[in-house]
Amino acid sequence: MTKKGDPSIDKEAAMRRDVPATAAACVAVETPLFRVSSHVASKMTTRQAERINERELLSIYALLAYVSHNQNIRQETVQLIIEAEFGVDHVSKIRREDYERAIEFLVDLKIEEVMN
């Protein structure tokens, strides 16, 4: 039996409740594609973290192509319209929280209404 005031037990309980800052700084993020230490990851700008990922960007580009083909307009024109709608200078800079709205915007887009 262990005593209630045993310092080793209190230390273990504290570790489970809260990870010390020094230990958190040494943790590495690892995926099959890349490896980033948390120190480097913490330096990533908030804007980069808020941007859409590659799969979401690919979905937007696919929908851009679909809309431009179906409405017989250049893909660059559709891209400029969505960039203007979301206030970005490139589609890849659309914020992650605006992704669903961007998809809905493209689905509902009627070029004739926008151009007139």
Protein backbone atom coordinates (compact mmCIF):
# COMPACT_ATOMS: atom_id res chain seq x y z
CA MET A 1 0.00 0.00 0.00
CA THR A 2 1.13 3.51 -0.70
CA LYS A 3 0.63 6.45 1.54
CA LYS A 4 -1.55 9.36 0.52
CA GLY A 5 1.28 11.86 0.99
CA ASP A 6 3.83 9.85 -1.03
CA PRO A 7 5.61 12.41 -3.31
CA SER A 8 6.01 9.95 -6.21
CA ILE A 9 2.24 9.45 -6.41
CA ASP A 10 1.56 13.20 -6.30
CA LYS A 11 4.12 13.75 -9.06
CA GLU A 12 2.51 11.08 -11.27
CA ALA A 13 -0.95 12.51 -10.66
CA ALA A 14 0.30 15.97 -11.58
CA MET A 15 1.83 14.63 -14.81
CA ARG A 16 -1.48 13.08 -15.85
CA ARG A 17 -3.35 16.30 -15.20
CA ASP A 18 -0.99 18.71 -16.83
CA VAL A 19 1.95 18.25 -19.20
CA PRO A 20 4.85 20.52 -18.23
CA ALA A 21 5.78 23.18 -20.77
CA THR A 22 9.29 21.79 -21.19
CA ALA A 23 7.97 18.35 -22.07
CA ALA A 24 5.40 19.81 -24.48
CA ALA A 25 8.18 21.74 -26.25
CA CYS A 26 10.03 18.50 -26.98
CA VAL A 27 7.07 16.66 -28.50
CA ALA A 28 7.30 16.07 -32.24
CA VAL A 29 4.41 15.87 -34.67
CA GLU A 30 4.95 13.03 -37.08
CA THR A 31 2.86 11.90 -40.04
CA PRO A 32 3.77 9.70 -43.02
CA LEU A 33 4.31 12.82 -45.13
CA PHE A 34 6.33 15.09 -42.86
CA ARG A 35 7.92 15.55 -39.47
CA VAL A 36 7.65 18.81 -37.51
CA SER A 37 8.74 19.52 -33.97
CA SER A 38 6.23 21.39 -31.86
CA HIS A 39 8.74 24.23 -31.53
CA VAL A 40 8.71 24.73 -35.31
CA ALA A 41 4.96 24.13 -35.46
CA SER A 42 4.36 26.84 -32.87
CA LYS A 43 6.17 29.31 -35.14
CA MET A 44 3.77 28.63 -38.01
CA THR A 45 1.65 31.67 -38.53
CA THR A 46 -1.98 31.55 -37.60
CA ARG A 47 -2.87 32.38 -41.19
CA GLN A 48 -1.14 29.23 -42.45
CA ALA A 49 -2.96 27.10 -39.91
CA GLU A 50 -6.31 28.63 -40.89
CA ARG A 51 -5.93 28.00 -44.63
CA ILE A 52 -7.58 25.13 -46.43
CA ASN A 53 -5.59 21.93 -46.87
CA GLU A 54 -4.57 20.33 -50.17
CA ARG A 55 -7.62 18.06 -50.43
CA GLU A 56 -9.98 20.96 -49.88
CA LEU A 57 -8.07 23.01 -52.46
CA LEU A 58 -8.30 20.15 -54.94
CA SER A 59 -12.06 19.99 -54.37
CA ILE A 60 -12.40 23.70 -55.04
CA TYR A 61 -10.33 23.43 -58.23
CA ALA A 62 -12.44 20.48 -59.42
CA LEU A 63 -15.62 22.45 -58.78
CA LEU A 64 -14.11 25.49 -60.54
CA ALA A 65 -13.50 23.34 -63.60
CA TYR A 66 -16.98 21.85 -63.43
CA VAL A 67 -18.68 25.26 -63.15
CA SER A 68 -16.61 26.77 -65.94
CA HIS A 69 -17.33 23.82 -68.26
CA ASN A 70 -21.08 23.76 -67.56
CA GLN A 71 -21.51 27.50 -67.88
CA ASN A 72 -19.17 27.85 -70.86
CA ILE A 73 -16.79 30.35 -69.29
CA ARG A 74 -13.05 30.35 -68.67
CA GLN A 75 -11.88 28.74 -65.45
CA GLU A 76 -9.73 31.77 -64.67
CA THR A 77 -12.86 33.95 -64.67
CA VAL A 78 -14.61 31.66 -62.17
CA GLN A 79 -11.46 31.65 -60.05
CA LEU A 80 -11.35 35.46 -60.04
CA ILE A 81 -14.99 35.59 -58.99
CA ILE A 82 -14.46 33.29 -55.99
CA GLU A 83 -11.27 35.10 -54.99
CA ALA A 84 -13.16 38.42 -55.06
CA GLU A 85 -16.04 36.93 -53.08
CA PHE A 86 -13.74 35.76 -50.27
CA GLY A 87 -11.31 38.68 -50.40
CA VAL A 88 -8.18 36.67 -51.17
CA ASP A 89 -5.56 37.04 -53.88
CA HIS A 90 -5.44 33.28 -54.56
CA VAL A 91 -7.87 30.41 -54.02
CA SER A 92 -5.35 28.59 -51.80
CA LYS A 93 -5.63 31.43 -49.26
CA ILE A 94 -9.30 30.82 -48.55
CA ARG A 95 -9.69 30.30 -44.83
CA ARG A 96 -10.59 26.86 -43.52
CA GLU A 97 -13.75 28.16 -41.88
CA ASP A 98 -14.92 29.49 -45.28
CA TYR A 99 -14.40 26.20 -47.12
CA GLU A 100 -18.01 24.99 -46.94
CA ARG A 101 -19.31 28.41 -47.89
CA ALA A 102 -16.91 28.46 -50.87
CA ILE A 103 -18.24 25.11 -52.08
CA GLU A 104 -21.83 26.30 -51.66
CA PHE A 105 -20.98 29.53 -53.49
CA LEU A 106 -19.59 27.59 -56.47
CA VAL A 107 -22.53 25.19 -56.55
CA ASP A 108 -25.01 28.07 -56.55
CA LEU A 109 -22.99 30.32 -58.88
CA LYS A 110 -24.84 31.58 -61.94
CA ILE A 111 -22.32 33.41 -64.13
CA GLU A 112 -24.99 35.28 -66.08
CA GLU A 113 -26.32 36.82 -62.85
CA VAL A 114 -22.85 37.81 -61.69
CA MET A 115 -21.84 39.35 -65.01
CA ASN A 116 -25.07 41.36 -65.49
